[in-house]
Every structure is written in structure tokens, then in C-alpha cells.
N, C-alpha and C. Protein backbone atom coordinates (compact mmCIF):
# COMPACT_ATOMS: atom_id res chain seq x y z
N MET A 1 152.19 65.56 51.93
CA MET A 1 151.13 65.21 51.00
C MET A 1 149.93 66.14 51.16
N MET A 2 149.77 66.68 52.35
CA MET A 2 148.65 67.60 52.56
C MET A 2 148.83 68.83 51.67
N ASN A 3 150.08 69.27 51.50
CA ASN A 3 150.34 70.41 50.60
C ASN A 3 149.95 70.08 49.16
N MET A 4 150.19 68.84 48.76
CA MET A 4 149.82 68.43 47.41
C MET A 4 148.31 68.40 47.25
N ALA A 5 147.60 67.96 48.28
CA ALA A 5 146.13 67.97 48.24
C ALA A 5 145.62 69.40 48.14
N ASN A 6 146.27 70.31 48.87
CA ASN A 6 145.88 71.73 48.79
C ASN A 6 146.14 72.28 47.39
N ASN A 7 147.23 71.86 46.78
CA ASN A 7 147.56 72.28 45.42
C ASN A 7 146.48 71.81 44.44
N ILE A 8 146.07 70.58 44.59
CA ILE A 8 145.01 70.05 43.73
C ILE A 8 143.73 70.85 43.92
N GLU A 9 143.38 71.12 45.16
CA GLU A 9 142.15 71.88 45.44
C GLU A 9 142.21 73.27 44.81
N THR A 10 143.35 73.92 44.89
CA THR A 10 143.51 75.25 44.30
C THR A 10 143.28 75.21 42.80
N HIS A 11 143.88 74.23 42.13
CA HIS A 11 143.71 74.12 40.68
C HIS A 11 142.30 73.67 40.30
N ALA A 12 141.67 72.88 41.14
CA ALA A 12 140.32 72.39 40.84
C ALA A 12 139.30 73.54 40.83
N LYS A 13 139.58 74.60 41.56
CA LYS A 13 138.67 75.74 41.57
C LYS A 13 138.58 76.40 40.19
N ASP A 14 139.65 76.29 39.41
CA ASP A 14 139.69 76.86 38.07
C ASP A 14 139.08 75.95 37.02
N TYR A 15 138.75 74.73 37.41
CA TYR A 15 138.32 73.72 36.46
C TYR A 15 137.09 74.12 35.65
N PRO A 16 136.01 74.61 36.27
CA PRO A 16 134.83 74.99 35.45
C PRO A 16 135.16 76.05 34.39
N ARG A 17 136.00 77.01 34.75
CA ARG A 17 136.38 78.05 33.79
C ARG A 17 137.18 77.44 32.64
N GLU A 18 138.08 76.53 32.98
CA GLU A 18 138.88 75.85 31.96
C GLU A 18 137.99 75.04 31.02
N VAL A 19 137.02 74.35 31.59
CA VAL A 19 136.09 73.54 30.79
C VAL A 19 135.30 74.44 29.85
N ARG A 20 134.81 75.55 30.38
CA ARG A 20 134.03 76.47 29.54
C ARG A 20 134.88 76.98 28.37
N THR A 21 136.10 77.37 28.66
CA THR A 21 136.99 77.87 27.61
C THR A 21 137.22 76.80 26.54
N LYS A 22 137.50 75.56 26.98
CA LYS A 22 137.73 74.46 26.04
C LYS A 22 136.50 74.20 25.18
N LEU A 23 135.33 74.13 25.84
CA LEU A 23 134.09 73.86 25.11
C LEU A 23 133.77 74.98 24.12
N GLU A 24 133.93 76.21 24.54
CA GLU A 24 133.67 77.34 23.64
C GLU A 24 134.58 77.28 22.42
N LYS A 25 135.83 77.00 22.64
CA LYS A 25 136.79 76.92 21.54
C LYS A 25 136.41 75.79 20.59
N SER A 26 136.13 74.63 21.15
CA SER A 26 135.76 73.47 20.31
C SER A 26 134.48 73.74 19.54
N LEU A 27 133.50 74.31 20.21
CA LEU A 27 132.23 74.60 19.54
C LEU A 27 132.39 75.64 18.45
N ASN A 28 133.18 76.68 18.72
CA ASN A 28 133.42 77.70 17.69
C ASN A 28 134.08 77.10 16.47
N GLU A 29 135.00 76.19 16.67
CA GLU A 29 135.65 75.52 15.54
C GLU A 29 134.66 74.64 14.78
N LEU A 30 133.83 73.94 15.51
CA LEU A 30 132.85 73.05 14.87
C LEU A 30 131.74 73.81 14.15
N LEU A 31 131.31 74.92 14.73
CA LEU A 31 130.19 75.66 14.17
C LEU A 31 130.61 76.69 13.13
N ASN A 32 131.89 76.84 12.90
CA ASN A 32 132.40 77.78 11.89
C ASN A 32 131.80 79.17 12.01
N GLY A 33 131.84 79.71 13.23
CA GLY A 33 131.39 81.07 13.42
C GLY A 33 129.91 81.26 13.71
N GLN A 34 129.12 80.19 13.68
CA GLN A 34 127.70 80.32 14.03
C GLN A 34 127.58 80.66 15.51
N THR A 35 126.46 81.25 15.88
CA THR A 35 126.24 81.67 17.25
C THR A 35 126.06 80.48 18.18
N ILE A 36 126.66 80.59 19.36
CA ILE A 36 126.53 79.56 20.38
C ILE A 36 125.51 80.03 21.40
N ASP A 37 124.57 79.18 21.75
CA ASP A 37 123.59 79.48 22.77
C ASP A 37 124.31 79.44 24.13
N SER A 38 124.51 80.62 24.73
CA SER A 38 125.29 80.70 25.96
C SER A 38 124.61 79.95 27.11
N GLY A 39 123.28 79.91 27.13
CA GLY A 39 122.56 79.15 28.16
C GLY A 39 122.86 77.67 28.08
N ARG A 40 122.84 77.17 26.87
CA ARG A 40 123.13 75.75 26.66
C ARG A 40 124.59 75.44 27.00
N LEU A 41 125.47 76.34 26.64
CA LEU A 41 126.89 76.17 26.96
C LEU A 41 127.08 76.10 28.47
N LEU A 42 126.42 76.98 29.20
CA LEU A 42 126.52 76.98 30.66
C LEU A 42 125.98 75.68 31.25
N GLN A 43 124.91 75.14 30.67
CA GLN A 43 124.38 73.86 31.15
C GLN A 43 125.41 72.75 30.96
N GLU A 44 126.04 72.73 29.82
CA GLU A 44 127.04 71.70 29.54
C GLU A 44 128.25 71.83 30.47
N VAL A 45 128.68 73.06 30.70
CA VAL A 45 129.81 73.30 31.60
C VAL A 45 129.44 72.85 33.01
N ALA A 46 128.23 73.18 33.45
CA ALA A 46 127.78 72.78 34.79
C ALA A 46 127.74 71.26 34.91
N TYR A 47 127.20 70.59 33.88
CA TYR A 47 127.14 69.13 33.89
C TYR A 47 128.54 68.53 33.95
N TYR A 48 129.42 69.01 33.11
CA TYR A 48 130.78 68.50 33.04
C TYR A 48 131.51 68.75 34.37
N ALA A 49 131.36 69.94 34.92
CA ALA A 49 132.02 70.28 36.18
C ALA A 49 131.49 69.43 37.33
N GLU A 50 130.20 69.20 37.36
CA GLU A 50 129.61 68.37 38.42
C GLU A 50 130.08 66.93 38.31
N ARG A 51 130.11 66.41 37.11
CA ARG A 51 130.53 65.03 36.89
C ARG A 51 132.00 64.84 37.27
N ASN A 52 132.78 65.88 37.13
CA ASN A 52 134.21 65.80 37.41
C ASN A 52 134.60 66.47 38.72
N ASP A 53 133.62 66.72 39.59
CA ASP A 53 133.89 67.35 40.87
C ASP A 53 134.69 66.39 41.76
N ILE A 54 135.76 66.87 42.34
CA ILE A 54 136.63 66.03 43.16
C ILE A 54 136.58 66.41 44.64
N THR A 55 135.58 67.16 45.03
CA THR A 55 135.46 67.61 46.42
C THR A 55 135.41 66.44 47.39
N GLU A 56 134.58 65.45 47.11
CA GLU A 56 134.45 64.30 48.02
C GLU A 56 135.77 63.55 48.14
N GLU A 57 136.46 63.38 47.05
CA GLU A 57 137.73 62.67 47.07
C GLU A 57 138.76 63.43 47.89
N LEU A 58 138.76 64.76 47.78
CA LEU A 58 139.70 65.56 48.57
C LEU A 58 139.38 65.48 50.06
N VAL A 59 138.10 65.48 50.40
CA VAL A 59 137.70 65.36 51.81
C VAL A 59 138.18 64.01 52.38
N ARG A 60 137.93 62.94 51.63
CA ARG A 60 138.35 61.62 52.10
C ARG A 60 139.88 61.52 52.16
N LEU A 61 140.56 62.09 51.17
CA LEU A 61 142.02 62.07 51.15
C LEU A 61 142.58 62.75 52.39
N ARG A 62 142.06 63.91 52.71
CA ARG A 62 142.53 64.63 53.90
C ARG A 62 142.26 63.84 55.18
N SER A 63 141.11 63.21 55.23
CA SER A 63 140.76 62.39 56.38
C SER A 63 141.75 61.23 56.53
N HIS A 64 142.06 60.56 55.43
CA HIS A 64 143.01 59.45 55.47
C HIS A 64 144.39 59.93 55.90
N LEU A 65 144.80 61.10 55.42
CA LEU A 65 146.11 61.64 55.81
C LEU A 65 146.15 61.96 57.29
N GLN A 66 145.06 62.49 57.83
CA GLN A 66 145.00 62.77 59.26
C GLN A 66 145.06 61.48 60.07
N GLN A 67 144.38 60.45 59.60
CA GLN A 67 144.43 59.16 60.29
C GLN A 67 145.84 58.59 60.28
N CYS A 68 146.55 58.76 59.18
CA CYS A 68 147.95 58.30 59.10
C CYS A 68 148.80 59.01 60.15
N ARG A 69 148.60 60.31 60.29
CA ARG A 69 149.36 61.06 61.29
C ARG A 69 149.10 60.52 62.70
N LYS A 70 147.83 60.21 62.99
CA LYS A 70 147.50 59.68 64.31
C LYS A 70 148.17 58.34 64.55
N ILE A 71 148.15 57.49 63.55
CA ILE A 71 148.77 56.17 63.68
C ILE A 71 150.27 56.31 63.88
N LEU A 72 150.89 57.20 63.13
CA LEU A 72 152.33 57.40 63.26
C LEU A 72 152.71 57.99 64.61
N GLY A 73 151.80 58.75 65.22
CA GLY A 73 152.05 59.34 66.53
C GLY A 73 151.71 58.43 67.69
N ALA A 74 151.05 57.31 67.40
CA ALA A 74 150.65 56.38 68.46
C ALA A 74 151.84 55.52 68.89
N GLU A 75 151.73 54.99 70.09
CA GLU A 75 152.83 54.16 70.60
C GLU A 75 152.76 52.73 70.10
N GLU A 76 151.57 52.23 69.84
CA GLU A 76 151.45 50.84 69.36
C GLU A 76 151.76 50.79 67.86
N PRO A 77 152.24 49.63 67.40
CA PRO A 77 152.55 49.48 65.97
C PRO A 77 151.30 49.62 65.11
N GLY A 78 151.46 50.20 63.96
CA GLY A 78 150.30 50.42 63.09
C GLY A 78 150.58 50.11 61.64
N GLY A 79 151.49 49.20 61.39
CA GLY A 79 151.89 48.89 60.02
C GLY A 79 150.74 48.47 59.13
N ARG A 80 149.91 47.57 59.62
CA ARG A 80 148.79 47.09 58.79
C ARG A 80 147.76 48.17 58.56
N LYS A 81 147.49 48.96 59.60
CA LYS A 81 146.55 50.08 59.44
C LYS A 81 147.09 51.08 58.42
N LEU A 82 148.38 51.37 58.53
CA LEU A 82 148.99 52.30 57.57
C LEU A 82 148.91 51.76 56.16
N ASP A 83 149.18 50.49 56.01
CA ASP A 83 149.12 49.88 54.68
C ASP A 83 147.72 50.01 54.09
N PHE A 84 146.72 49.75 54.91
CA PHE A 84 145.33 49.89 54.45
C PHE A 84 145.02 51.33 54.09
N LEU A 85 145.40 52.27 54.95
CA LEU A 85 145.14 53.68 54.67
C LEU A 85 145.85 54.15 53.41
N LEU A 86 147.06 53.69 53.21
CA LEU A 86 147.79 54.08 52.00
C LEU A 86 147.10 53.54 50.75
N GLN A 87 146.52 52.37 50.88
CA GLN A 87 145.74 51.82 49.76
C GLN A 87 144.53 52.71 49.47
N GLU A 88 143.86 53.18 50.51
CA GLU A 88 142.71 54.07 50.35
C GLU A 88 143.14 55.42 49.79
N ILE A 89 144.27 55.91 50.26
CA ILE A 89 144.80 57.18 49.74
C ILE A 89 145.07 57.06 48.25
N LEU A 90 145.69 55.95 47.86
CA LEU A 90 145.98 55.73 46.45
C LEU A 90 144.70 55.67 45.63
N ARG A 91 143.67 55.06 46.18
CA ARG A 91 142.37 54.99 45.48
C ARG A 91 141.80 56.39 45.25
N GLU A 92 141.87 57.25 46.26
CA GLU A 92 141.35 58.62 46.11
C GLU A 92 142.18 59.40 45.09
N ILE A 93 143.49 59.23 45.14
CA ILE A 93 144.37 59.91 44.19
C ILE A 93 144.07 59.47 42.77
N ASN A 94 143.88 58.18 42.56
CA ASN A 94 143.56 57.67 41.22
C ASN A 94 142.22 58.22 40.73
N THR A 95 141.24 58.30 41.61
CA THR A 95 139.94 58.84 41.22
C THR A 95 140.07 60.31 40.83
N ILE A 96 140.83 61.07 41.61
CA ILE A 96 141.05 62.48 41.28
C ILE A 96 141.70 62.59 39.90
N GLY A 97 142.70 61.76 39.67
CA GLY A 97 143.40 61.79 38.38
C GLY A 97 142.50 61.44 37.21
N SER A 98 141.58 60.51 37.43
CA SER A 98 140.70 60.12 36.32
C SER A 98 139.57 61.11 36.09
N LYS A 99 139.19 61.86 37.11
CA LYS A 99 138.09 62.81 36.97
C LYS A 99 138.54 64.15 36.39
N CYS A 100 139.74 64.54 36.68
CA CYS A 100 140.17 65.89 36.36
C CYS A 100 141.36 65.85 35.41
N ASP A 101 141.22 66.51 34.27
CA ASP A 101 142.27 66.43 33.25
C ASP A 101 143.11 67.71 33.12
N LEU A 102 143.14 68.51 34.16
CA LEU A 102 144.01 69.69 34.13
C LEU A 102 145.46 69.24 34.31
N LEU A 103 146.36 69.80 33.57
CA LEU A 103 147.76 69.41 33.60
C LEU A 103 148.35 69.53 35.01
N ALA A 104 148.10 70.65 35.68
CA ALA A 104 148.66 70.86 37.01
C ALA A 104 148.19 69.79 38.00
N ILE A 105 146.94 69.38 37.88
CA ILE A 105 146.40 68.35 38.77
C ILE A 105 147.00 67.00 38.40
N SER A 106 147.12 66.71 37.13
CA SER A 106 147.72 65.44 36.69
C SER A 106 149.15 65.31 37.18
N GLN A 107 149.90 66.39 37.12
CA GLN A 107 151.28 66.36 37.59
C GLN A 107 151.34 66.11 39.10
N THR A 108 150.46 66.75 39.84
CA THR A 108 150.43 66.56 41.29
C THR A 108 149.99 65.14 41.63
N VAL A 109 149.04 64.59 40.88
CA VAL A 109 148.60 63.22 41.10
C VAL A 109 149.78 62.26 40.93
N ILE A 110 150.59 62.47 39.92
CA ILE A 110 151.76 61.61 39.70
C ILE A 110 152.74 61.71 40.87
N GLU A 111 152.97 62.94 41.33
CA GLU A 111 153.85 63.14 42.49
C GLU A 111 153.30 62.41 43.71
N MET A 112 151.99 62.52 43.93
CA MET A 112 151.39 61.89 45.09
C MET A 112 151.48 60.36 45.01
N LYS A 113 151.26 59.81 43.82
CA LYS A 113 151.37 58.37 43.65
C LYS A 113 152.78 57.90 43.98
N THR A 114 153.77 58.66 43.55
CA THR A 114 155.16 58.32 43.84
C THR A 114 155.41 58.31 45.34
N GLU A 115 154.90 59.33 46.02
CA GLU A 115 155.08 59.42 47.47
C GLU A 115 154.37 58.28 48.20
N VAL A 116 153.18 57.94 47.76
CA VAL A 116 152.45 56.84 48.38
C VAL A 116 153.21 55.53 48.21
N GLU A 117 153.77 55.31 47.04
CA GLU A 117 154.53 54.07 46.82
C GLU A 117 155.76 54.02 47.72
N LYS A 118 156.41 55.15 47.93
CA LYS A 118 157.56 55.20 48.84
C LYS A 118 157.10 54.84 50.26
N LEU A 119 155.97 55.41 50.66
CA LEU A 119 155.44 55.14 52.00
C LEU A 119 155.04 53.68 52.15
N ARG A 120 154.45 53.12 51.12
CA ARG A 120 154.06 51.70 51.18
C ARG A 120 155.27 50.81 51.36
N GLU A 121 156.37 51.13 50.69
CA GLU A 121 157.60 50.36 50.86
C GLU A 121 158.09 50.44 52.30
N GLN A 122 158.00 51.64 52.88
CA GLN A 122 158.47 51.83 54.25
C GLN A 122 157.57 51.12 55.26
N THR A 123 156.27 51.09 55.00
CA THR A 123 155.36 50.44 55.96
C THR A 123 155.55 48.94 55.97
N GLN A 124 156.13 48.38 54.94
CA GLN A 124 156.39 46.94 54.92
C GLN A 124 157.34 46.55 56.05
N ASN A 125 158.13 47.51 56.51
CA ASN A 125 159.09 47.26 57.59
C ASN A 125 158.53 47.58 58.97
N VAL A 126 157.29 48.12 59.01
CA VAL A 126 156.67 48.47 60.29
C VAL A 126 155.64 47.40 60.62
N GLU A 127 155.69 46.88 61.80
CA GLU A 127 154.72 45.84 62.18
C GLU A 127 153.83 46.34 63.25
């Protein structure tokens, strides 16, 4: 799952550029060739990118994944802790999915949700 988080981070770096391209295209269609104020466009892109920034979610996701590894490597049972962490992981994944609408990120989010559900099923057998 850490590889999937890295994949999301890689695609998220392209997000502001993608937003700018989408906004420029939409505005050009709406304005029928009229000039676009590039300063204003940059402000909108910055606002949109900031509102949809997933950096915090990725940091928390990685932290939760590291905690899972520690629990799995420990000698004492950690089923309930794992179940709780998987719930938190799913929450971060859902937030990432709702904030970022890039296709590559959406696909990875779906893959991650599937993996988390598999892990949740397995933790039901761990006490």
C-alpha cells in the first residue's frame, strides 16, 4: 500500500497543472476567444489546488501504514488496533478520493480501498 500512496503523491504533483489546463480550456470555451486575465487565472488555480491539497492526508496515511507494520511485527496480538488503524486508513483514502479528481489517483484510491477491505476481513481473525 505504501507504493500506492507513492503513486498518488506522484500524480498529485501534476494536479495544479492539470487544473490550470482544465480551467483555461473551460474559460476559453465560455469566453469565445476573449482574453483571459492570466493573473486571475493563476489565483483561481492556486485556490483550487490549495483546497484540494492532499499532503496532510498522505502524511497521515503513511503514518498509519507504519503503525500497522509495527503492530504486525509485535509479539502481542493487535487485531483491534489493526482494525482501528484500517478504519483510519480508509478515512484518509476516502478524503484523498474526494479531494482529487485525477483519473490516475481515482484508480489508485479504488485499488487501495479494495486492499483495505481485504485486510479488514483478515483482521477479524486476529485477536
